[in-house]
Amino acid sequence: MSISPQAIVNIAVTAAEEKKAVDITVLDIREVSIIADYFIICSGRSGVQVQAIIENIQEKLKAQGIPALRREGFREGNWVLLDYGDVIAHVFQGPERQFYNLERLWGDAQVVGVPVNI
């Protein structure tokens, strides 16, 4: 059974919301990059919260048969990346999110609402 990138986004965003992620943004980068279809960008208020958000996203997607292809930065908990192929989730602590400002870097991408239409 294959699940669409939009469904992955919806599951991941719901999982992030369950752990009180703040400032959740979904970028549709299909028109500006070949690396993925969507970026999910959100923040946690501490390293522990960032890790909890990441773990919940992984748990919810794994329950749907979708394991992460890669996870980077978990130990430090400042900026953690989860790679699901067509969907990449970035979970930051506030200062790191401000510094890297992915929304500006990917400014040509369309911001989409959640749930993403399937």
C-alpha atoms as a PDB file:
ATOM      1  CA  MET A   1       0.000   0.000   0.000  1.00  0.00           C
ATOM      2  CA  SER A   2       1.371   3.341  -1.051  1.00  0.00           C
ATOM      3  CA  ILE A   3       0.561   6.552   0.732  1.00  0.00           C
ATOM      4  CA  SER A   4       0.651   9.942  -0.976  1.00  0.00           C
ATOM      5  CA  PRO A   5       3.051  12.718   0.027  1.00  0.00           C
ATOM      6  CA  GLN A   6       0.020  14.812   0.985  1.00  0.00           C
ATOM      7  CA  ALA A   7      -1.151  12.099   3.390  1.00  0.00           C
ATOM      8  CA  ILE A   8       2.337  11.915   4.913  1.00  0.00           C
ATOM      9  CA  VAL A   9       2.253  15.683   5.451  1.00  0.00           C
ATOM     10  CA  ASN A  10      -1.156  15.489   7.115  1.00  0.00           C
ATOM     11  CA  ILE A  11      -0.090  12.679   9.467  1.00  0.00           C
ATOM     12  CA  ALA A  12       3.181  14.405  10.350  1.00  0.00           C
ATOM     13  CA  VAL A  13       1.544  17.770  11.013  1.00  0.00           C
ATOM     14  CA  THR A  14      -1.098  16.166  13.223  1.00  0.00           C
ATOM     15  CA  ALA A  15       1.645  14.338  15.134  1.00  0.00           C
ATOM     16  CA  ALA A  16       3.576  17.595  15.590  1.00  0.00           C
ATOM     17  CA  GLU A  17       0.432  19.361  16.815  1.00  0.00           C
ATOM     18  CA  GLU A  18      -0.139  16.585  19.362  1.00  0.00           C
ATOM     19  CA  LYS A  19       3.221  17.470  20.934  1.00  0.00           C
ATOM     20  CA  LYS A  20       2.435  21.214  20.881  1.00  0.00           C
ATOM     21  CA  ALA A  21       4.754  22.191  18.025  1.00  0.00           C
ATOM     22  CA  VAL A  22       4.500  25.893  17.282  1.00  0.00           C
ATOM     23  CA  ASP A  23       4.515  27.923  14.077  1.00  0.00           C
ATOM     24  CA  ILE A  24       3.895  24.965  11.755  1.00  0.00           C
ATOM     25  CA  THR A  25       4.464  25.818   8.097  1.00  0.00           C
ATOM     26  CA  VAL A  26       4.144  23.516   5.101  1.00  0.00           C
ATOM     27  CA  LEU A  27       5.930  24.491   1.899  1.00  0.00           C
ATOM     28  CA  ASP A  28       5.068  22.941  -1.465  1.00  0.00           C
ATOM     29  CA  ILE A  29       8.493  22.888  -3.106  1.00  0.00           C
ATOM     30  CA  ARG A  30       7.582  20.785  -6.170  1.00  0.00           C
ATOM     31  CA  GLU A  31       7.930  23.771  -8.503  1.00  0.00           C
ATOM     32  CA  VAL A  32      11.263  24.975  -7.102  1.00  0.00           C
ATOM     33  CA  SER A  33      13.224  21.816  -6.265  1.00  0.00           C
ATOM     34  CA  ILE A  34      13.603  18.169  -7.128  1.00  0.00           C
ATOM     35  CA  ILE A  35      14.724  17.107  -3.644  1.00  0.00           C
ATOM     36  CA  ALA A  36      11.203  16.688  -2.243  1.00  0.00           C
ATOM     37  CA  ASP A  37       7.568  17.658  -2.722  1.00  0.00           C
ATOM     38  CA  TYR A  38       6.944  19.206   0.701  1.00  0.00           C
ATOM     39  CA  PHE A  39       8.855  20.691   3.611  1.00  0.00           C
ATOM     40  CA  ILE A  40       7.240  20.734   7.028  1.00  0.00           C
ATOM     41  CA  ILE A  41       8.822  23.354   9.261  1.00  0.00           C
ATOM     42  CA  CYS A  42       7.924  23.763  12.920  1.00  0.00           C
ATOM     43  CA  SER A  43       9.411  24.630  16.280  1.00  0.00           C
ATOM     44  CA  GLY A  44       9.649  23.317  19.788  1.00  0.00           C
ATOM     45  CA  ARG A  45      10.489  25.392  22.839  1.00  0.00           C
ATOM     46  CA  SER A  46      13.291  23.108  24.084  1.00  0.00           C
ATOM     47  CA  GLY A  47      15.494  20.267  22.927  1.00  0.00           C
ATOM     48  CA  VAL A  48      13.316  17.809  24.812  1.00  0.00           C
ATOM     49  CA  GLN A  49      10.177  19.091  23.093  1.00  0.00           C
ATOM     50  CA  VAL A  50      11.860  18.993  19.664  1.00  0.00           C
ATOM     51  CA  GLN A  51      12.794  15.364  20.311  1.00  0.00           C
ATOM     52  CA  ALA A  52       9.249  14.539  21.473  1.00  0.00           C
ATOM     53  CA  ILE A  53       7.809  16.079  18.296  1.00  0.00           C
ATOM     54  CA  ILE A  54      10.208  14.064  16.135  1.00  0.00           C
ATOM     55  CA  GLU A  55       9.501  10.826  17.985  1.00  0.00           C
ATOM     56  CA  ASN A  56       5.736  11.309  17.634  1.00  0.00           C
ATOM     57  CA  ILE A  57       6.005  12.010  13.909  1.00  0.00           C
ATOM     58  CA  GLN A  58       8.130   8.891  13.458  1.00  0.00           C
ATOM     59  CA  GLU A  59       5.767   6.765  15.563  1.00  0.00           C
ATOM     60  CA  LYS A  60       2.624   7.881  13.707  1.00  0.00           C
ATOM     61  CA  LEU A  61       4.158   7.379  10.260  1.00  0.00           C
ATOM     62  CA  LYS A  62       5.768   4.060  11.166  1.00  0.00           C
ATOM     63  CA  ALA A  63       2.331   2.850  12.295  1.00  0.00           C
ATOM     64  CA  GLN A  64       1.216   3.538   8.709  1.00  0.00           C
ATOM     65  CA  GLY A  65       4.143   1.513   7.368  1.00  0.00           C
ATOM     66  CA  ILE A  66       6.284   4.538   6.545  1.00  0.00           C
ATOM     67  CA  PRO A  67       9.695   4.516   8.217  1.00  0.00           C
ATOM     68  CA  ALA A  68      11.949   7.542   8.020  1.00  0.00           C
ATOM     69  CA  LEU A  69      14.712   7.175   5.464  1.00  0.00           C
ATOM     70  CA  ARG A  70      17.017   9.356   7.548  1.00  0.00           C
ATOM     71  CA  ARG A  71      17.035  11.296  10.805  1.00  0.00           C
ATOM     72  CA  GLU A  72      19.669  13.926  11.505  1.00  0.00           C
ATOM     73  CA  GLY A  73      20.377  16.112  14.544  1.00  0.00           C
ATOM     74  CA  PHE A  74      18.251  14.234  17.087  1.00  0.00           C
ATOM     75  CA  ARG A  75      20.890  14.014  19.817  1.00  0.00           C
ATOM     76  CA  GLU A  76      21.419  17.777  19.968  1.00  0.00           C
ATOM     77  CA  GLY A  77      17.725  18.618  19.526  1.00  0.00           C
ATOM     78  CA  ASN A  78      18.386  22.048  18.007  1.00  0.00           C
ATOM     79  CA  TRP A  79      17.411  21.273  14.408  1.00  0.00           C
ATOM     80  CA  VAL A  80      16.198  17.782  13.618  1.00  0.00           C
ATOM     81  CA  LEU A  81      15.481  16.639  10.097  1.00  0.00           C
ATOM     82  CA  LEU A  82      13.300  13.659   9.173  1.00  0.00           C
ATOM     83  CA  ASP A  83      13.525  12.498   5.567  1.00  0.00           C
ATOM     84  CA  TYR A  84      10.558  10.633   4.117  1.00  0.00           C
ATOM     85  CA  GLY A  85      11.630  11.002   0.502  1.00  0.00           C
ATOM     86  CA  ASP A  86       8.905  13.247  -0.910  1.00  0.00           C
ATOM     87  CA  VAL A  87       8.382  14.905   2.489  1.00  0.00           C
ATOM     88  CA  ILE A  88      11.065  16.381   4.718  1.00  0.00           C
ATOM     89  CA  ALA A  89      10.231  17.541   8.228  1.00  0.00           C
ATOM     90  CA  HIS A  90      12.398  20.161   9.945  1.00  0.00           C
ATOM     91  CA  VAL A  91      11.844  20.669  13.665  1.00  0.00           C
ATOM     92  CA  PHE A  92      13.789  23.517  15.237  1.00  0.00           C
ATOM     93  CA  GLN A  93      14.303  25.281  18.499  1.00  0.00           C
ATOM     94  CA  GLY A  94      13.465  28.969  18.063  1.00  0.00           C
ATOM     95  CA  PRO A  95      16.957  30.489  17.700  1.00  0.00           C
ATOM     96  CA  GLU A  96      18.031  27.924  15.101  1.00  0.00           C
ATOM     97  CA  ARG A  97      14.842  28.440  13.110  1.00  0.00           C
ATOM     98  CA  GLN A  98      15.380  32.188  13.071  1.00  0.00           C
ATOM     99  CA  PHE A  99      19.022  31.795  12.078  1.00  0.00           C
ATOM    100  CA  TYR A 100      18.466  29.367   9.184  1.00  0.00           C
ATOM    101  CA  ASN A 101      15.114  30.914   8.132  1.00  0.00           C
ATOM    102  CA  LEU A 102      14.125  28.169   5.694  1.00  0.00           C
ATOM    103  CA  GLU A 103      10.926  29.996   4.811  1.00  0.00           C
ATOM    104  CA  ARG A 104      12.987  32.843   3.365  1.00  0.00           C
ATOM    105  CA  LEU A 105      15.521  30.514   1.767  1.00  0.00           C
ATOM    106  CA  TRP A 106      12.673  28.667   0.017  1.00  0.00           C
ATOM    107  CA  GLY A 107      10.706  31.876  -0.533  1.00  0.00           C
ATOM    108  CA  ASP A 108       9.636  30.855  -4.039  1.00  0.00           C
ATOM    109  CA  ALA A 109       7.781  27.847  -2.638  1.00  0.00           C
ATOM    110  CA  GLN A 110       4.055  28.015  -2.028  1.00  0.00           C
ATOM    111  CA  VAL A 111       2.869  27.887   1.588  1.00  0.00           C
ATOM    112  CA  VAL A 112       0.018  25.389   1.767  1.00  0.00           C
ATOM    113  CA  GLY A 113      -2.692  24.859   4.321  1.00  0.00           C
ATOM    114  CA  VAL A 114      -3.159  21.711   6.331  1.00  0.00           C
ATOM    115  CA  PRO A 115      -4.695  19.324   5.762  1.00  0.00           C
ATOM    116  CA  VAL A 116      -3.116  19.167   2.341  1.00  0.00           C
ATOM    117  CA  ASN A 117      -5.743  18.017  -0.156  1.00  0.00           C
ATOM    118  CA  ILE A 118      -5.202  14.408  -1.123  1.00  0.00           C
END
